[in-house]
């Protein structure tokens, strides 16, 4: 009888459903996606602060409508003083190739602020075909 060779997918067993549920529920506490951000903005339900953490030059060229530019290196208590203490920040950068959103999330967390990362960043926003804004805000 021939030996069955497992694929790279099944070669490592999947987690049991209870562990998977725990993992994915926790994961959603840390991230959101372009579709959900767009839907909230389109419905007028922006109950979060959308932070573009790229450079001012990149932001001015194009950014997600409704986003505020605050480069991750400038995230300090003073630059957050205009935002409510209980605000949820949703951060994004260029996309999967960029760790600026992760760096911003670390800094916001260190400052005691709630934060989620928008998966895909600008790249993901483009892939979804959503409109962009340009210029200062």
N, C-alpha and C. Protein backbone atom coordinates (compact mmCIF):
# COMPACT_ATOMS: atom_id res chain seq x y z
N UNK A 1 0.86 -1.18 0.00
CA UNK A 1 0.00 0.00 0.00
C UNK A 1 0.90 1.24 0.00
N UNK A 2 0.63 2.20 -0.89
CA UNK A 2 1.48 3.39 -0.96
C UNK A 2 1.34 4.25 0.30
N UNK A 3 2.42 4.92 0.65
CA UNK A 3 2.43 5.81 1.80
C UNK A 3 1.78 7.13 1.40
N UNK A 4 0.89 7.61 2.23
CA UNK A 4 0.23 8.88 1.97
C UNK A 4 1.14 10.01 2.42
N UNK A 5 1.45 10.92 1.52
CA UNK A 5 2.29 12.08 1.84
C UNK A 5 1.38 13.26 2.14
N UNK A 6 1.61 13.88 3.28
CA UNK A 6 0.80 15.04 3.67
C UNK A 6 1.32 16.29 2.98
N UNK A 7 0.42 17.18 2.68
CA UNK A 7 0.80 18.46 2.08
C UNK A 7 1.40 19.37 3.14
N UNK A 8 1.94 20.48 2.70
CA UNK A 8 2.44 21.48 3.64
C UNK A 8 1.29 22.07 4.47
N UNK A 9 0.10 21.99 3.95
CA UNK A 9 -1.07 22.51 4.66
C UNK A 9 -1.43 21.59 5.82
N UNK A 10 -1.47 20.29 5.57
CA UNK A 10 -1.93 19.36 6.60
C UNK A 10 -0.80 18.69 7.37
N UNK A 11 0.45 18.95 6.98
CA UNK A 11 1.60 18.35 7.66
C UNK A 11 1.69 18.76 9.12
N UNK A 12 1.22 19.91 9.44
CA UNK A 12 1.11 20.36 10.84
C UNK A 12 -0.39 20.40 11.13
N UNK A 13 -0.79 19.69 12.14
CA UNK A 13 -2.21 19.58 12.46
C UNK A 13 -2.82 20.94 12.78
N UNK A 14 -4.06 21.11 12.37
CA UNK A 14 -4.79 22.33 12.70
C UNK A 14 -5.13 22.34 14.19
N UNK A 15 -5.30 23.52 14.73
CA UNK A 15 -5.70 23.66 16.14
C UNK A 15 -7.11 23.12 16.32
N UNK A 16 -7.39 22.69 17.52
CA UNK A 16 -8.76 22.25 17.77
C UNK A 16 -9.67 23.48 17.72
N UNK A 17 -10.96 23.28 17.43
CA UNK A 17 -11.86 24.42 17.26
C UNK A 17 -11.89 25.40 18.44
N UNK A 18 -11.81 24.93 19.66
CA UNK A 18 -11.85 25.83 20.82
C UNK A 18 -10.62 26.73 20.84
N UNK A 19 -9.45 26.17 20.53
CA UNK A 19 -8.22 26.97 20.48
C UNK A 19 -8.27 27.95 19.33
N UNK A 20 -8.81 27.52 18.19
CA UNK A 20 -8.94 28.41 17.03
C UNK A 20 -9.87 29.58 17.35
N UNK A 21 -10.99 29.29 17.99
CA UNK A 21 -11.93 30.34 18.38
C UNK A 21 -11.25 31.37 19.28
N UNK A 22 -10.54 30.89 20.29
CA UNK A 22 -9.84 31.78 21.21
C UNK A 22 -8.83 32.65 20.45
N UNK A 23 -8.06 32.04 19.58
CA UNK A 23 -7.04 32.77 18.82
C UNK A 23 -7.66 33.86 17.94
N UNK A 24 -8.66 33.48 17.13
CA UNK A 24 -9.22 34.44 16.18
C UNK A 24 -10.04 35.53 16.86
N UNK A 25 -10.72 35.21 17.95
CA UNK A 25 -11.40 36.27 18.70
C UNK A 25 -10.40 37.27 19.26
N UNK A 26 -9.30 36.78 19.78
CA UNK A 26 -8.27 37.68 20.30
C UNK A 26 -7.64 38.50 19.19
N UNK A 27 -7.41 37.88 18.04
CA UNK A 27 -6.81 38.57 16.91
C UNK A 27 -7.64 39.78 16.48
N UNK A 28 -8.96 39.62 16.48
CA UNK A 28 -9.84 40.72 16.07
C UNK A 28 -9.83 41.89 17.05
N UNK A 29 -9.35 41.68 18.25
CA UNK A 29 -9.21 42.79 19.20
C UNK A 29 -8.02 43.68 18.84
N UNK A 30 -7.14 43.18 17.97
CA UNK A 30 -5.94 43.92 17.61
C UNK A 30 -5.96 44.51 16.21
N UNK A 31 -6.88 44.05 15.37
CA UNK A 31 -6.87 44.51 13.99
C UNK A 31 -8.27 44.62 13.41
N UNK A 32 -8.33 45.44 12.36
CA UNK A 32 -9.53 45.58 11.55
C UNK A 32 -9.06 45.59 10.11
N UNK A 33 -9.96 45.73 9.17
CA UNK A 33 -9.52 45.75 7.78
C UNK A 33 -10.09 46.95 7.04
N UNK A 34 -9.61 47.13 5.82
CA UNK A 34 -10.01 48.28 5.01
C UNK A 34 -11.52 48.30 4.77
N UNK A 35 -12.09 47.13 4.54
CA UNK A 35 -13.53 47.05 4.27
C UNK A 35 -14.34 47.58 5.45
N UNK A 36 -14.00 47.15 6.66
CA UNK A 36 -14.75 47.60 7.84
C UNK A 36 -14.56 49.08 8.12
N UNK A 37 -13.34 49.58 7.91
CA UNK A 37 -13.10 51.02 8.09
C UNK A 37 -13.90 51.80 7.06
N UNK A 38 -13.87 51.37 5.81
CA UNK A 38 -14.62 52.05 4.75
C UNK A 38 -16.12 52.04 5.06
N UNK A 39 -16.64 50.90 5.49
CA UNK A 39 -18.07 50.80 5.80
C UNK A 39 -18.45 51.75 6.93
N UNK A 40 -17.61 51.85 7.95
CA UNK A 40 -17.89 52.77 9.07
C UNK A 40 -17.88 54.22 8.59
N UNK A 41 -16.89 54.57 7.77
CA UNK A 41 -16.81 55.94 7.25
C UNK A 41 -18.01 56.26 6.37
N UNK A 42 -18.38 55.33 5.48
CA UNK A 42 -19.50 55.54 4.57
C UNK A 42 -20.82 55.68 5.32
N UNK A 43 -20.95 55.00 6.45
CA UNK A 43 -22.18 55.06 7.24
C UNK A 43 -22.18 56.24 8.23
N UNK A 44 -21.10 57.03 8.23
CA UNK A 44 -21.00 58.14 9.18
C UNK A 44 -20.80 57.66 10.61
N UNK A 45 -20.20 56.50 10.77
CA UNK A 45 -19.98 55.91 12.09
C UNK A 45 -18.50 55.90 12.45
N UNK A 46 -17.84 57.02 12.28
CA UNK A 46 -16.42 57.06 12.62
C UNK A 46 -16.28 57.26 14.13
N UNK A 47 -16.40 56.16 14.86
CA UNK A 47 -16.27 56.18 16.32
C UNK A 47 -14.86 55.79 16.74
N UNK A 48 -13.90 56.19 15.94
CA UNK A 48 -12.49 55.91 16.15
C UNK A 48 -11.69 57.02 15.49
N UNK A 49 -10.44 57.13 15.87
CA UNK A 49 -9.53 58.10 15.25
C UNK A 49 -8.68 57.33 14.26
N UNK A 50 -8.79 57.66 13.00
CA UNK A 50 -8.04 57.00 11.95
C UNK A 50 -6.72 57.75 11.76
N UNK A 51 -5.61 57.07 12.08
CA UNK A 51 -4.29 57.69 12.01
C UNK A 51 -3.48 57.13 10.86
N UNK A 52 -3.09 58.02 9.96
CA UNK A 52 -2.13 57.70 8.91
C UNK A 52 -0.76 58.00 9.53
N UNK A 53 0.04 56.97 9.74
CA UNK A 53 1.29 57.14 10.48
C UNK A 53 2.50 57.25 9.54
N UNK A 54 2.25 57.51 8.26
CA UNK A 54 3.32 57.71 7.29
C UNK A 54 3.84 59.15 7.36
N UNK A 55 4.76 59.47 6.51
CA UNK A 55 5.34 60.81 6.49
C UNK A 55 4.30 61.84 6.02
N UNK A 56 4.48 63.12 6.40
CA UNK A 56 3.56 64.15 5.91
C UNK A 56 3.52 64.23 4.39
N UNK A 57 4.65 63.97 3.75
CA UNK A 57 4.70 64.02 2.28
C UNK A 57 3.84 62.91 1.66
N UNK A 58 3.94 61.71 2.21
CA UNK A 58 3.13 60.59 1.70
C UNK A 58 1.65 60.86 1.96
N UNK A 59 1.35 61.39 3.14
CA UNK A 59 -0.04 61.71 3.49
C UNK A 59 -0.60 62.75 2.53
N UNK A 60 0.17 63.79 2.24
CA UNK A 60 -0.31 64.85 1.38
C UNK A 60 -0.57 64.34 -0.04
N UNK A 61 0.24 63.39 -0.48
CA UNK A 61 0.06 62.82 -1.80
C UNK A 61 -1.26 62.05 -1.89
N UNK A 62 -1.53 61.21 -0.90
CA UNK A 62 -2.80 60.49 -0.83
C UNK A 62 -2.96 59.87 0.55
N UNK A 63 -4.22 59.79 0.99
CA UNK A 63 -4.53 59.16 2.27
C UNK A 63 -6.00 58.74 2.29
N UNK A 64 -6.32 57.93 3.26
CA UNK A 64 -7.70 57.48 3.43
C UNK A 64 -8.53 58.68 3.88
N UNK A 65 -9.69 58.91 3.26
CA UNK A 65 -10.53 60.02 3.69
C UNK A 65 -10.87 59.91 5.18
N UNK A 66 -10.78 61.02 5.88
CA UNK A 66 -11.07 61.04 7.31
C UNK A 66 -9.88 60.75 8.20
N UNK A 67 -8.74 60.43 7.59
CA UNK A 67 -7.55 60.12 8.38
C UNK A 67 -6.82 61.39 8.80
N UNK A 68 -6.19 61.31 9.95
CA UNK A 68 -5.33 62.37 10.49
C UNK A 68 -3.90 61.88 10.36
N UNK A 69 -3.01 62.76 9.93
CA UNK A 69 -1.61 62.37 9.80
C UNK A 69 -0.86 62.60 11.11
N UNK A 70 -0.28 61.53 11.63
CA UNK A 70 0.57 61.60 12.80
C UNK A 70 1.64 60.51 12.64
N UNK A 71 2.78 60.87 12.04
CA UNK A 71 3.84 59.87 11.85
C UNK A 71 4.18 59.18 13.16
N UNK A 72 4.44 57.89 13.07
CA UNK A 72 4.62 57.09 14.28
C UNK A 72 5.73 57.61 15.18
N UNK A 73 6.74 58.24 14.63
CA UNK A 73 7.83 58.77 15.47
C UNK A 73 7.40 60.00 16.26
N UNK A 74 6.27 60.57 15.90
CA UNK A 74 5.77 61.77 16.60
C UNK A 74 4.65 61.45 17.59
N UNK A 75 4.39 60.20 17.79
CA UNK A 75 3.33 59.82 18.74
C UNK A 75 3.90 59.87 20.15
N UNK A 76 3.54 60.94 20.84
CA UNK A 76 3.93 61.16 22.23
C UNK A 76 2.70 61.72 22.95
N UNK A 77 2.76 61.77 24.26
CA UNK A 77 1.61 62.24 25.04
C UNK A 77 1.14 63.62 24.57
N UNK A 78 2.05 64.52 24.28
CA UNK A 78 1.69 65.88 23.86
C UNK A 78 0.91 65.89 22.55
N UNK A 79 1.32 65.05 21.57
CA UNK A 79 0.63 65.04 20.28
C UNK A 79 -0.73 64.34 20.34
N UNK A 80 -0.97 63.64 21.42
CA UNK A 80 -2.26 62.96 21.60
C UNK A 80 -3.24 63.76 22.45
N UNK A 81 -2.79 64.90 22.96
CA UNK A 81 -3.59 65.65 23.93
C UNK A 81 -4.92 66.16 23.39
N UNK A 82 -5.06 66.29 22.07
CA UNK A 82 -6.33 66.75 21.50
C UNK A 82 -7.37 65.63 21.36
N UNK A 83 -6.96 64.40 21.61
CA UNK A 83 -7.86 63.26 21.46
C UNK A 83 -8.35 62.79 22.82
N UNK A 84 -9.61 62.38 22.91
CA UNK A 84 -10.12 61.87 24.19
C UNK A 84 -9.29 60.69 24.70
N UNK A 85 -9.17 60.59 26.00
CA UNK A 85 -8.38 59.51 26.61
C UNK A 85 -8.91 58.13 26.24
N UNK A 86 -10.22 58.01 26.02
CA UNK A 86 -10.80 56.70 25.72
C UNK A 86 -10.96 56.43 24.23
N UNK A 87 -10.38 57.30 23.39
CA UNK A 87 -10.50 57.12 21.94
C UNK A 87 -9.82 55.84 21.48
N UNK A 88 -10.43 55.17 20.51
CA UNK A 88 -9.81 54.04 19.86
C UNK A 88 -9.08 54.58 18.63
N UNK A 89 -7.80 54.31 18.54
CA UNK A 89 -7.02 54.70 17.37
C UNK A 89 -6.93 53.52 16.42
N UNK A 90 -7.17 53.78 15.14
CA UNK A 90 -6.96 52.79 14.09
C UNK A 90 -5.81 53.33 13.25
N UNK A 91 -4.72 52.57 13.21
CA UNK A 91 -3.49 53.05 12.54
C UNK A 91 -3.26 52.28 11.24
N UNK A 92 -2.69 53.00 10.27
CA UNK A 92 -2.29 52.35 9.03
C UNK A 92 -1.04 53.01 8.48
N UNK A 93 -0.34 52.26 7.64
CA UNK A 93 0.84 52.77 6.94
C UNK A 93 0.72 52.37 5.47
N UNK A 94 1.85 52.11 4.83
CA UNK A 94 1.84 51.80 3.41
C UNK A 94 1.21 50.48 3.04
N UNK A 95 1.35 49.50 3.89
CA UNK A 95 0.78 48.19 3.58
C UNK A 95 1.57 47.06 4.19
N UNK A 96 1.41 45.87 3.66
CA UNK A 96 2.04 44.68 4.25
C UNK A 96 3.57 44.74 4.32
N UNK A 97 4.15 45.54 3.48
CA UNK A 97 5.61 45.67 3.45
C UNK A 97 6.14 46.69 4.45
N UNK A 98 5.27 47.32 5.19
CA UNK A 98 5.63 48.43 6.08
C UNK A 98 5.26 48.08 7.52
N UNK A 99 6.16 48.36 8.47
CA UNK A 99 5.83 48.08 9.87
C UNK A 99 5.51 49.35 10.66
N UNK A 100 5.29 50.45 9.97
CA UNK A 100 4.96 51.71 10.65
C UNK A 100 3.71 51.62 11.51
N UNK A 101 2.70 50.90 11.04
CA UNK A 101 1.47 50.76 11.82
C UNK A 101 1.74 49.97 13.10
N UNK A 102 2.59 48.95 13.00
CA UNK A 102 2.94 48.18 14.20
C UNK A 102 3.72 49.04 15.18
N UNK A 103 4.65 49.84 14.67
CA UNK A 103 5.42 50.74 15.55
C UNK A 103 4.51 51.76 16.22
N UNK A 104 3.54 52.27 15.47
CA UNK A 104 2.58 53.22 16.04
C UNK A 104 1.72 52.55 17.10
N UNK A 105 1.29 51.31 16.83
CA UNK A 105 0.47 50.58 17.80
C UNK A 105 1.24 50.33 19.09
N UNK A 106 2.51 50.02 18.96
CA UNK A 106 3.35 49.83 20.16
C UNK A 106 3.39 51.12 20.96
N UNK A 107 3.65 52.23 20.29
CA UNK A 107 3.79 53.51 21.00
C UNK A 107 2.47 53.93 21.65
N UNK A 108 1.37 53.79 20.92
CA UNK A 108 0.06 54.14 21.49
C UNK A 108 -0.24 53.27 22.71
N UNK A 109 0.07 51.99 22.62
CA UNK A 109 -0.15 51.08 23.75
C UNK A 109 0.69 51.48 24.95
N UNK A 110 1.94 51.84 24.69
CA UNK A 110 2.83 52.29 25.78
C UNK A 110 2.28 53.52 26.48
N UNK A 111 1.56 54.35 25.73
CA UNK A 111 0.98 55.56 26.29
C UNK A 111 -0.41 55.32 26.88
N UNK A 112 -0.80 54.06 26.95
CA UNK A 112 -2.07 53.72 27.58
C UNK A 112 -3.28 53.94 26.70
N UNK A 113 -3.09 53.98 25.38
CA UNK A 113 -4.19 54.23 24.45
C UNK A 113 -4.64 52.94 23.78
N UNK A 114 -5.94 52.87 23.47
CA UNK A 114 -6.50 51.73 22.74
C UNK A 114 -6.16 51.86 21.26
N UNK A 115 -5.81 50.73 20.65
CA UNK A 115 -5.39 50.80 19.25
C UNK A 115 -5.69 49.49 18.52
N UNK A 116 -6.03 49.64 17.25
CA UNK A 116 -6.14 48.53 16.31
C UNK A 116 -5.38 48.92 15.05
N UNK A 117 -4.87 47.93 14.35
CA UNK A 117 -4.18 48.16 13.08
C UNK A 117 -5.15 47.85 11.94
N UNK A 118 -5.16 48.73 10.92
CA UNK A 118 -5.94 48.47 9.72
C UNK A 118 -5.08 47.65 8.77
N UNK A 119 -5.45 46.39 8.62
CA UNK A 119 -4.70 45.49 7.76
C UNK A 119 -4.67 46.01 6.32
N UNK A 120 -3.54 45.87 5.68
CA UNK A 120 -3.41 46.25 4.28
C UNK A 120 -2.94 47.67 4.05
N UNK A 121 -3.23 48.58 4.99
CA UNK A 121 -2.81 49.97 4.85
C UNK A 121 -3.29 50.58 3.54
N UNK A 122 -2.50 51.52 3.01
CA UNK A 122 -2.83 52.19 1.75
C UNK A 122 -2.95 51.17 0.62
N UNK A 123 -2.05 50.20 0.61
CA UNK A 123 -2.09 49.18 -0.44
C UNK A 123 -3.43 48.45 -0.42
N UNK A 124 -3.87 48.03 0.73
CA UNK A 124 -5.15 47.33 0.85
C UNK A 124 -6.32 48.21 0.44
N UNK A 125 -6.25 49.50 0.78
CA UNK A 125 -7.30 50.45 0.41
C UNK A 125 -7.40 50.52 -1.11
N UNK A 126 -6.25 50.57 -1.79
CA UNK A 126 -6.23 50.59 -3.25
C UNK A 126 -6.78 49.29 -3.83
N UNK A 127 -6.36 48.15 -3.27
CA UNK A 127 -6.82 46.85 -3.76
C UNK A 127 -8.35 46.76 -3.70
N UNK A 128 -8.95 47.30 -2.65
CA UNK A 128 -10.41 47.30 -2.52
C UNK A 128 -11.07 48.29 -3.48
N UNK A 129 -10.30 49.20 -4.07
CA UNK A 129 -10.86 50.17 -5.02
C UNK A 129 -11.52 51.36 -4.37
N UNK A 130 -11.21 51.62 -3.10
CA UNK A 130 -11.82 52.74 -2.39
C UNK A 130 -11.16 54.06 -2.78
N UNK A 131 -11.93 55.14 -2.72
CA UNK A 131 -11.44 56.48 -3.08
C UNK A 131 -10.41 56.96 -2.06
N UNK A 132 -9.50 57.78 -2.54
CA UNK A 132 -8.46 58.37 -1.70
C UNK A 132 -8.71 59.88 -1.62
N UNK A 133 -8.09 60.49 -0.63
CA UNK A 133 -8.05 61.95 -0.52
C UNK A 133 -6.60 62.38 -0.69
N UNK A 134 -6.43 63.66 -0.93
CA UNK A 134 -5.09 64.22 -1.05
C UNK A 134 -5.07 65.57 -0.39
N UNK A 135 -3.87 66.06 -0.10
CA UNK A 135 -3.71 67.37 0.51
C UNK A 135 -3.71 67.31 2.02
N UNK A 136 -3.68 68.49 2.61
CA UNK A 136 -3.61 68.64 4.07
C UNK A 136 -4.95 68.35 4.71
N UNK A 137 -4.86 67.98 5.95
CA UNK A 137 -6.09 67.89 6.77
C UNK A 137 -5.73 68.24 8.18
